[in-house]
Amino acid sequence: MASTLYFKDNFFNSGKTDILSENQEVLGEVDLRSSFGSGLDIYNANGDLMYTGTFPMLSGKWNITNANDEEVGRVRSRLAFFAKKFEYEAYDRGIYEIKSEIFSTQYEMFDEEGTLAASFQRVSGWFSADAYCLENHSTILDSYELVAVVMGMHEIQKRQRSSSNG
């Protein structure tokens, strides 16, 4: 699996979008199952389900399960001033901090020792659906799992924006 991936959301939070390599090779897809942003599935290039991300009922946390329906981690927002902060608890594999400057579109994900595990940035979004470029530096987390983490963080941010506007 390539270490740099490109993937995106859809305007209406439903439908399938490709996961692409730097060379535009299709490496899988994101299936945004609901127009309400409540869940998505990540598939590999062979069409095999790899990960699922969902919000549990009445929760602002994003749970990630593997193809065997085993919960493997949880993404949550962390309180931060003048920054964007999230945490990914990869069950039995550590807790990862995701952070970005307040107005930046670039994010970095660090393990508990402070080692860079992944970096990603939003590469569009003004007049098009949000798209991301992900670089996986981890030997513990696979790239498909990281796609589920990034999309979960994205869904949490969308919920936060809609609740502050309403």
N, C-alpha and C. Protein backbone atom coordinates (compact mmCIF):
# COMPACT_ATOMS: atom_id res chain seq x y z
N MET A 1 0.85 -1.19 0.00
CA MET A 1 0.00 0.00 0.00
C MET A 1 0.89 1.24 0.00
N ALA A 2 0.56 2.19 -0.82
CA ALA A 2 1.33 3.43 -0.92
C ALA A 2 1.27 4.20 0.39
N SER A 3 2.30 4.98 0.68
CA SER A 3 2.32 5.75 1.91
C SER A 3 1.62 7.10 1.76
N THR A 4 1.40 7.57 0.54
CA THR A 4 0.69 8.82 0.31
C THR A 4 -0.62 8.51 -0.41
N LEU A 5 -1.72 8.93 0.20
CA LEU A 5 -3.05 8.67 -0.34
C LEU A 5 -3.83 9.96 -0.47
N TYR A 6 -4.73 9.99 -1.43
CA TYR A 6 -5.66 11.10 -1.62
C TYR A 6 -7.08 10.55 -1.54
N PHE A 7 -7.96 11.26 -0.82
CA PHE A 7 -9.35 10.84 -0.70
C PHE A 7 -10.17 12.05 -0.35
N LYS A 8 -11.51 11.95 -0.50
CA LYS A 8 -12.34 13.12 -0.25
C LYS A 8 -13.72 12.76 0.25
N ASP A 9 -14.38 13.78 0.72
CA ASP A 9 -15.76 13.75 1.18
C ASP A 9 -16.64 14.03 -0.05
N ASN A 10 -17.94 13.95 0.11
CA ASN A 10 -18.90 14.41 -0.90
C ASN A 10 -19.70 15.54 -0.31
N PHE A 11 -20.20 16.43 -1.16
CA PHE A 11 -21.00 17.56 -0.68
C PHE A 11 -22.18 17.11 0.15
N PHE A 12 -22.83 16.04 -0.24
CA PHE A 12 -24.06 15.63 0.42
C PHE A 12 -23.85 14.46 1.38
N ASN A 13 -22.60 14.20 1.76
CA ASN A 13 -22.27 13.16 2.74
C ASN A 13 -22.78 11.79 2.37
N SER A 14 -22.93 11.49 1.11
CA SER A 14 -23.32 10.14 0.72
C SER A 14 -22.69 9.82 -0.62
N GLY A 15 -22.52 8.53 -0.87
CA GLY A 15 -21.92 8.08 -2.12
C GLY A 15 -20.50 7.60 -1.92
N LYS A 16 -19.90 7.13 -2.99
CA LYS A 16 -18.57 6.55 -2.94
C LYS A 16 -17.56 7.47 -3.60
N THR A 17 -16.37 7.55 -3.00
CA THR A 17 -15.26 8.30 -3.58
C THR A 17 -14.02 7.43 -3.55
N ASP A 18 -13.15 7.62 -4.53
CA ASP A 18 -11.95 6.80 -4.64
C ASP A 18 -10.87 7.22 -3.66
N ILE A 19 -10.06 6.25 -3.25
CA ILE A 19 -8.81 6.49 -2.53
C ILE A 19 -7.73 6.31 -3.60
N LEU A 20 -6.92 7.33 -3.81
CA LEU A 20 -5.95 7.33 -4.91
C LEU A 20 -4.52 7.43 -4.40
N SER A 21 -3.60 6.87 -5.18
CA SER A 21 -2.17 7.05 -4.92
C SER A 21 -1.72 8.36 -5.56
N GLU A 22 -0.47 8.69 -5.37
CA GLU A 22 0.10 9.89 -6.00
C GLU A 22 0.00 9.82 -7.52
N ASN A 23 0.00 8.60 -8.07
CA ASN A 23 -0.06 8.38 -9.52
C ASN A 23 -1.49 8.20 -10.03
N GLN A 24 -2.46 8.56 -9.20
CA GLN A 24 -3.88 8.46 -9.54
C GLN A 24 -4.36 7.01 -9.68
N GLU A 25 -3.60 6.07 -9.13
CA GLU A 25 -4.02 4.67 -9.12
C GLU A 25 -5.07 4.49 -8.02
N VAL A 26 -6.18 3.82 -8.35
CA VAL A 26 -7.24 3.59 -7.37
C VAL A 26 -6.80 2.48 -6.42
N LEU A 27 -6.71 2.83 -5.12
CA LEU A 27 -6.27 1.88 -4.10
C LEU A 27 -7.40 1.45 -3.18
N GLY A 28 -8.59 1.98 -3.42
CA GLY A 28 -9.75 1.65 -2.60
C GLY A 28 -10.80 2.71 -2.75
N GLU A 29 -11.77 2.67 -1.82
CA GLU A 29 -12.81 3.70 -1.86
C GLU A 29 -13.38 3.94 -0.47
N VAL A 30 -13.93 5.13 -0.33
CA VAL A 30 -14.66 5.53 0.87
C VAL A 30 -16.13 5.53 0.49
N ASP A 31 -16.94 4.80 1.23
CA ASP A 31 -18.38 4.77 1.00
C ASP A 31 -19.05 5.52 2.13
N LEU A 32 -19.51 6.73 1.81
CA LEU A 32 -20.22 7.56 2.78
C LEU A 32 -21.67 7.08 2.78
N ARG A 33 -22.01 6.27 3.75
CA ARG A 33 -23.27 5.54 3.76
C ARG A 33 -24.50 6.38 4.00
N SER A 34 -24.36 7.53 4.63
CA SER A 34 -25.55 8.26 5.05
C SER A 34 -25.43 9.74 4.71
N SER A 35 -26.54 10.32 4.31
CA SER A 35 -26.54 11.76 4.07
C SER A 35 -26.53 12.55 5.37
N PHE A 36 -26.56 11.85 6.51
CA PHE A 36 -26.52 12.52 7.81
C PHE A 36 -25.15 12.43 8.46
N GLY A 37 -24.15 11.93 7.74
CA GLY A 37 -22.79 11.89 8.25
C GLY A 37 -22.58 10.94 9.41
N SER A 38 -23.40 9.89 9.51
CA SER A 38 -23.32 9.03 10.68
C SER A 38 -22.40 7.83 10.49
N GLY A 39 -21.93 7.56 9.29
CA GLY A 39 -21.05 6.42 9.13
C GLY A 39 -20.45 6.31 7.74
N LEU A 40 -19.33 5.57 7.68
CA LEU A 40 -18.68 5.32 6.39
C LEU A 40 -17.92 4.01 6.45
N ASP A 41 -17.67 3.46 5.28
CA ASP A 41 -16.89 2.24 5.13
C ASP A 41 -15.68 2.52 4.26
N ILE A 42 -14.57 1.86 4.58
CA ILE A 42 -13.33 1.98 3.81
C ILE A 42 -13.05 0.61 3.18
N TYR A 43 -12.88 0.60 1.86
CA TYR A 43 -12.61 -0.63 1.11
C TYR A 43 -11.23 -0.56 0.47
N ASN A 44 -10.59 -1.72 0.30
CA ASN A 44 -9.30 -1.76 -0.40
C ASN A 44 -9.55 -1.87 -1.91
N ALA A 45 -8.48 -1.99 -2.68
CA ALA A 45 -8.59 -2.02 -4.14
C ALA A 45 -9.34 -3.25 -4.64
N ASN A 46 -9.37 -4.33 -3.86
CA ASN A 46 -10.09 -5.54 -4.25
C ASN A 46 -11.57 -5.48 -3.86
N GLY A 47 -11.99 -4.40 -3.23
CA GLY A 47 -13.38 -4.27 -2.80
C GLY A 47 -13.67 -4.89 -1.45
N ASP A 48 -12.62 -5.29 -0.72
CA ASP A 48 -12.79 -5.88 0.61
C ASP A 48 -12.99 -4.78 1.64
N LEU A 49 -13.97 -4.97 2.53
CA LEU A 49 -14.18 -4.02 3.62
C LEU A 49 -12.97 -4.07 4.54
N MET A 50 -12.39 -2.91 4.85
CA MET A 50 -11.24 -2.83 5.73
C MET A 50 -11.62 -2.24 7.10
N TYR A 51 -12.32 -1.10 7.07
CA TYR A 51 -12.69 -0.40 8.30
C TYR A 51 -14.04 0.28 8.12
N THR A 52 -14.70 0.49 9.26
CA THR A 52 -15.95 1.23 9.32
C THR A 52 -15.80 2.29 10.40
N GLY A 53 -16.33 3.47 10.14
CA GLY A 53 -16.33 4.54 11.13
C GLY A 53 -17.75 5.00 11.39
N THR A 54 -18.11 5.17 12.66
CA THR A 54 -19.46 5.60 13.03
C THR A 54 -19.44 6.44 14.30
N PHE A 55 -20.47 7.26 14.46
CA PHE A 55 -20.74 7.93 15.72
C PHE A 55 -21.70 7.04 16.49
N PRO A 56 -21.36 6.62 17.71
CA PRO A 56 -22.35 5.91 18.53
C PRO A 56 -23.50 6.87 18.84
N MET A 57 -24.64 6.33 19.18
CA MET A 57 -25.82 7.12 19.49
C MET A 57 -25.50 8.19 20.54
N LEU A 58 -25.85 9.45 20.22
CA LEU A 58 -25.69 10.58 21.14
C LEU A 58 -24.26 10.79 21.62
N SER A 59 -23.29 10.56 20.72
CA SER A 59 -21.88 10.71 21.08
C SER A 59 -21.18 11.59 20.05
N GLY A 60 -20.19 12.33 20.50
CA GLY A 60 -19.36 13.12 19.61
C GLY A 60 -18.05 12.43 19.30
N LYS A 61 -17.92 11.16 19.72
CA LYS A 61 -16.72 10.38 19.46
C LYS A 61 -16.95 9.49 18.25
N TRP A 62 -15.90 9.24 17.49
CA TRP A 62 -15.96 8.48 16.25
C TRP A 62 -15.30 7.13 16.49
N ASN A 63 -16.07 6.05 16.41
CA ASN A 63 -15.55 4.71 16.63
C ASN A 63 -15.14 4.07 15.31
N ILE A 64 -14.02 3.36 15.34
CA ILE A 64 -13.52 2.67 14.15
C ILE A 64 -13.49 1.17 14.44
N THR A 65 -14.10 0.40 13.54
CA THR A 65 -14.08 -1.06 13.65
C THR A 65 -13.41 -1.64 12.42
N ASN A 66 -12.84 -2.85 12.58
CA ASN A 66 -12.19 -3.51 11.46
C ASN A 66 -13.21 -4.38 10.71
N ALA A 67 -12.74 -5.12 9.71
CA ALA A 67 -13.62 -5.94 8.88
C ALA A 67 -14.31 -7.05 9.67
N ASN A 68 -13.75 -7.43 10.83
CA ASN A 68 -14.35 -8.46 11.69
C ASN A 68 -15.33 -7.86 12.69
N ASP A 69 -15.66 -6.57 12.52
CA ASP A 69 -16.58 -5.85 13.40
C ASP A 69 -16.04 -5.72 14.82
N GLU A 70 -14.71 -5.71 14.95
CA GLU A 70 -14.06 -5.48 16.24
C GLU A 70 -13.65 -4.01 16.32
N GLU A 71 -14.02 -3.34 17.41
CA GLU A 71 -13.64 -1.94 17.57
C GLU A 71 -12.13 -1.85 17.78
N VAL A 72 -11.46 -1.07 16.94
CA VAL A 72 -10.00 -0.96 17.01
C VAL A 72 -9.53 0.40 17.51
N GLY A 73 -10.43 1.40 17.56
CA GLY A 73 -10.01 2.71 18.03
C GLY A 73 -11.15 3.70 18.08
N ARG A 74 -10.81 4.89 18.63
CA ARG A 74 -11.80 5.95 18.80
C ARG A 74 -11.12 7.30 18.61
N VAL A 75 -11.77 8.18 17.83
CA VAL A 75 -11.30 9.55 17.61
C VAL A 75 -12.18 10.47 18.43
N ARG A 76 -11.54 11.42 19.13
CA ARG A 76 -12.30 12.41 19.89
C ARG A 76 -11.61 13.76 19.79
N SER A 77 -12.41 14.79 19.94
CA SER A 77 -11.90 16.16 19.95
C SER A 77 -11.34 16.45 21.34
N ARG A 78 -10.28 17.24 21.40
CA ARG A 78 -9.68 17.65 22.67
C ARG A 78 -9.78 19.17 22.76
N LEU A 79 -10.02 19.67 23.94
CA LEU A 79 -10.11 21.10 24.16
C LEU A 79 -8.75 21.75 23.93
N ALA A 80 -8.72 22.78 23.10
CA ALA A 80 -7.47 23.49 22.83
C ALA A 80 -7.80 24.93 22.46
N PHE A 81 -6.98 25.83 22.90
CA PHE A 81 -7.12 27.23 22.54
C PHE A 81 -6.09 27.57 21.47
N PHE A 82 -6.53 28.23 20.43
CA PHE A 82 -5.66 28.67 19.33
C PHE A 82 -5.02 27.50 18.59
N ALA A 83 -5.70 26.37 18.59
CA ALA A 83 -5.22 25.19 17.86
C ALA A 83 -6.39 24.24 17.68
N LYS A 84 -6.22 23.28 16.78
CA LYS A 84 -7.20 22.20 16.62
C LYS A 84 -6.52 20.94 17.13
N LYS A 85 -7.17 20.25 18.06
CA LYS A 85 -6.58 19.07 18.67
C LYS A 85 -7.57 17.92 18.72
N PHE A 86 -7.07 16.75 18.35
CA PHE A 86 -7.86 15.52 18.41
C PHE A 86 -6.97 14.43 18.96
N GLU A 87 -7.61 13.34 19.34
CA GLU A 87 -6.87 12.21 19.87
C GLU A 87 -7.42 10.94 19.24
N TYR A 88 -6.52 10.06 18.84
CA TYR A 88 -6.93 8.75 18.36
C TYR A 88 -6.40 7.70 19.32
N GLU A 89 -7.33 7.04 20.00
CA GLU A 89 -6.95 5.95 20.88
C GLU A 89 -7.03 4.66 20.07
N ALA A 90 -5.87 4.15 19.68
CA ALA A 90 -5.78 2.90 18.93
C ALA A 90 -5.67 1.79 19.96
N TYR A 91 -6.76 1.14 20.24
CA TYR A 91 -6.81 0.16 21.33
C TYR A 91 -5.62 -0.79 21.28
N ASP A 92 -4.96 -0.98 22.41
CA ASP A 92 -3.80 -1.86 22.56
C ASP A 92 -2.60 -1.45 21.72
N ARG A 93 -2.66 -0.27 21.08
CA ARG A 93 -1.55 0.16 20.23
C ARG A 93 -1.11 1.58 20.53
N GLY A 94 -1.74 2.20 21.51
CA GLY A 94 -1.30 3.53 21.91
C GLY A 94 -2.33 4.62 21.65
N ILE A 95 -2.01 5.80 22.14
CA ILE A 95 -2.84 6.99 21.95
C ILE A 95 -2.05 7.98 21.11
N TYR A 96 -2.70 8.49 20.08
CA TYR A 96 -2.06 9.40 19.13
C TYR A 96 -2.71 10.77 19.21
N GLU A 97 -1.87 11.80 19.25
CA GLU A 97 -2.36 13.17 19.28
C GLU A 97 -2.34 13.73 17.86
N ILE A 98 -3.45 14.33 17.47
CA ILE A 98 -3.57 14.98 16.16
C ILE A 98 -3.70 16.46 16.42
N LYS A 99 -2.84 17.26 15.80
CA LYS A 99 -2.93 18.70 16.06
C LYS A 99 -2.63 19.52 14.82
N SER A 100 -3.16 20.75 14.86
CA SER A 100 -3.00 21.69 13.77
C SER A 100 -3.14 23.10 14.32
N GLU A 101 -2.49 24.04 13.68
CA GLU A 101 -2.68 25.44 14.04
C GLU A 101 -4.12 25.82 13.71
N ILE A 102 -4.65 26.83 14.37
CA ILE A 102 -6.07 27.16 14.30
C ILE A 102 -6.58 27.39 12.87
N PHE A 103 -5.86 28.09 12.01
CA PHE A 103 -6.35 28.38 10.67
C PHE A 103 -5.63 27.55 9.59
N SER A 104 -4.86 26.59 10.01
CA SER A 104 -4.10 25.77 9.07
C SER A 104 -4.95 24.63 8.52
N THR A 105 -4.58 24.14 7.36
CA THR A 105 -5.21 22.95 6.78
C THR A 105 -4.29 21.74 6.90
N GLN A 106 -3.15 21.91 7.57
CA GLN A 106 -2.18 20.82 7.75
C GLN A 106 -2.28 20.28 9.18
N TYR A 107 -2.22 18.95 9.28
CA TYR A 107 -2.32 18.27 10.57
C TYR A 107 -1.15 17.31 10.72
N GLU A 108 -0.75 17.09 11.97
CA GLU A 108 0.27 16.09 12.26
C GLU A 108 -0.24 15.19 13.37
N MET A 109 0.12 13.90 13.28
CA MET A 109 -0.33 12.91 14.25
C MET A 109 0.90 12.28 14.88
N PHE A 110 0.99 12.34 16.22
CA PHE A 110 2.16 11.87 16.95
C PHE A 110 1.77 10.74 17.90
N ASP A 111 2.69 9.77 18.04
CA ASP A 111 2.46 8.71 19.02
C ASP A 111 2.85 9.22 20.41
N GLU A 112 2.75 8.36 21.41
CA GLU A 112 2.99 8.77 22.80
C GLU A 112 4.44 9.17 23.06
N GLU A 113 5.37 8.72 22.21
CA GLU A 113 6.78 9.12 22.36
C GLU A 113 7.10 10.40 21.60
N GLY A 114 6.11 10.97 20.91
CA GLY A 114 6.33 12.19 20.16
C GLY A 114 6.84 11.96 18.75
N THR A 115 6.79 10.71 18.28
CA THR A 115 7.23 10.38 16.92
C THR A 115 6.09 10.63 15.94
N LEU A 116 6.41 11.24 14.81
CA LEU A 116 5.41 11.51 13.78
C LEU A 116 4.89 10.20 13.20
N ALA A 117 3.61 9.95 13.36
CA ALA A 117 2.99 8.72 12.84
C ALA A 117 2.34 8.96 11.48
N ALA A 118 1.80 10.17 11.28
CA ALA A 118 1.14 10.51 10.01
C ALA A 118 1.05 12.02 9.91
N SER A 119 0.93 12.49 8.70
CA SER A 119 0.62 13.89 8.46
C SER A 119 -0.39 13.94 7.32
N PHE A 120 -1.25 14.92 7.39
CA PHE A 120 -2.24 15.06 6.33
C PHE A 120 -2.66 16.50 6.22
N GLN A 121 -3.19 16.84 5.07
CA GLN A 121 -3.67 18.20 4.89
C GLN A 121 -4.90 18.20 4.01
N ARG A 122 -5.77 19.17 4.29
CA ARG A 122 -6.93 19.37 3.43
C ARG A 122 -6.43 20.10 2.20
N VAL A 123 -6.70 19.54 1.03
CA VAL A 123 -6.17 20.10 -0.20
C VAL A 123 -7.23 20.79 -1.05
N SER A 124 -8.46 20.82 -0.60
CA SER A 124 -9.52 21.56 -1.28
C SER A 124 -10.63 21.81 -0.29
N GLY A 125 -11.73 22.40 -0.76
CA GLY A 125 -12.84 22.57 0.14
C GLY A 125 -13.61 23.87 -0.02
N TRP A 126 -13.09 24.85 -0.75
CA TRP A 126 -13.81 26.11 -0.85
C TRP A 126 -15.07 25.97 -1.70
N PHE A 127 -14.94 25.57 -2.95
CA PHE A 127 -16.10 25.36 -3.81
C PHE A 127 -16.25 23.90 -4.20
N SER A 128 -15.53 23.02 -3.53
CA SER A 128 -15.62 21.59 -3.80
C SER A 128 -15.63 20.84 -2.48
N ALA A 129 -15.91 19.56 -2.54
CA ALA A 129 -15.90 18.75 -1.32
C ALA A 129 -14.48 18.72 -0.75
N ASP A 130 -14.38 18.60 0.57
CA ASP A 130 -13.08 18.52 1.22
C ASP A 130 -12.33 17.28 0.75
N ALA A 131 -11.07 17.47 0.39
CA ALA A 131 -10.20 16.36 -0.02
C ALA A 131 -8.95 16.42 0.85
N TYR A 132 -8.35 15.25 1.06
CA TYR A 132 -7.18 15.16 1.93
C TYR A 132 -6.05 14.41 1.25
N CYS A 133 -4.83 14.82 1.60
CA CYS A 133 -3.62 14.12 1.21
C CYS A 133 -3.02 13.59 2.51
N LEU A 134 -2.85 12.26 2.60
CA LEU A 134 -2.38 11.60 3.81
C LEU A 134 -1.03 10.95 3.56
N GLU A 135 -0.09 11.18 4.47
CA GLU A 135 1.20 10.49 4.44
C GLU A 135 1.32 9.66 5.71
N ASN A 136 1.41 8.35 5.54
CA ASN A 136 1.52 7.43 6.67
C ASN A 136 3.00 7.18 6.96
N HIS A 137 3.42 7.48 8.19
CA HIS A 137 4.79 7.24 8.62
C HIS A 137 4.85 6.12 9.66
N SER A 138 3.70 5.53 9.97
CA SER A 138 3.59 4.55 11.04
C SER A 138 3.80 3.12 10.55
N THR A 139 4.41 2.31 11.39
CA THR A 139 4.50 0.87 11.13
C THR A 139 3.42 0.13 11.91
N ILE A 140 2.67 0.84 12.75
CA ILE A 140 1.65 0.23 13.59
C ILE A 140 0.25 0.42 13.00
N LEU A 141 -0.04 1.59 12.48
CA LEU A 141 -1.35 1.90 11.92
C LEU A 141 -1.29 1.79 10.40
N ASP A 142 -2.23 1.04 9.82
CA ASP A 142 -2.20 0.95 8.36
C ASP A 142 -2.92 2.14 7.74
N SER A 143 -2.66 2.36 6.48
CA SER A 143 -3.16 3.56 5.79
C SER A 143 -4.68 3.59 5.71
N TYR A 144 -5.33 2.44 5.52
CA TYR A 144 -6.79 2.43 5.47
C TYR A 144 -7.38 2.84 6.82
N GLU A 145 -6.76 2.40 7.91
CA GLU A 145 -7.22 2.81 9.23
C GLU A 145 -7.05 4.31 9.39
N LEU A 146 -5.94 4.85 8.90
CA LEU A 146 -5.72 6.29 8.99
C LEU A 146 -6.73 7.08 8.16
N VAL A 147 -7.17 6.53 7.03
CA VAL A 147 -8.23 7.20 6.26
C VAL A 147 -9.48 7.30 7.14
N ALA A 148 -9.82 6.23 7.86
CA ALA A 148 -10.98 6.25 8.75
C ALA A 148 -10.79 7.27 9.88
N VAL A 149 -9.56 7.40 10.38
CA VAL A 149 -9.27 8.39 11.42
C VAL A 149 -9.46 9.81 10.89
N VAL A 150 -8.88 10.10 9.72
CA VAL A 150 -8.98 11.45 9.14
C VAL A 150 -10.43 11.80 8.83
N MET A 151 -11.16 10.86 8.24
CA MET A 151 -12.57 11.12 7.92
C MET A 151 -13.39 11.29 9.21
N GLY A 152 -13.05 10.57 10.25
CA GLY A 152 -13.73 10.75 11.53
C GLY A 152 -13.49 12.12 12.12
N MET A 153 -12.24 12.57 12.07
CA MET A 153 -11.90 13.90 12.54
C MET A 153 -12.66 14.95 11.72
N HIS A 154 -12.73 14.73 10.43
CA HIS A 154 -13.47 15.63 9.52
C HIS A 154 -14.96 15.67 9.91
N GLU A 155 -15.56 14.51 10.18
CA GLU A 155 -16.97 14.46 10.56
C GLU A 155 -17.20 15.14 11.91
N ILE A 156 -16.29 14.98 12.85
CA ILE A 156 -16.40 15.66 14.15
C ILE A 156 -16.38 17.17 13.95
N GLN A 157 -15.47 17.66 13.10
CA GLN A 157 -15.39 19.10 12.82
C GLN A 157 -16.67 19.60 12.18
N LYS A 158 -17.23 18.83 11.25
CA LYS A 158 -18.48 19.25 10.60
C LYS A 158 -19.60 19.34 11.63
N ARG A 159 -19.66 18.39 12.54
CA ARG A 159 -20.69 18.44 13.60
C ARG A 159 -20.49 19.66 14.50
N GLN A 160 -19.23 19.96 14.83
CA GLN A 160 -18.94 21.11 15.69
C GLN A 160 -19.35 22.41 14.99
N ARG A 161 -19.07 22.52 13.68
CA ARG A 161 -19.44 23.71 12.93
C ARG A 161 -20.96 23.87 12.85
N SER A 162 -21.67 22.77 12.60
CA SER A 162 -23.13 22.86 12.46
C SER A 162 -23.78 23.18 13.80
N SER A 163 -23.24 22.68 14.91
CA SER A 163 -23.84 23.00 16.21
C SER A 163 -23.55 24.43 16.63
N SER A 164 -22.41 24.99 16.21
CA SER A 164 -22.11 26.39 16.56
C SER A 164 -22.87 27.36 15.66
N ASN A 165 -23.31 26.89 14.48
CA ASN A 165 -24.09 27.75 13.58
C ASN A 165 -25.58 27.68 13.87
N GLY A 166 -26.01 26.71 14.65
CA GLY A 166 -27.44 26.50 14.87
C GLY A 166 -27.88 26.95 16.14
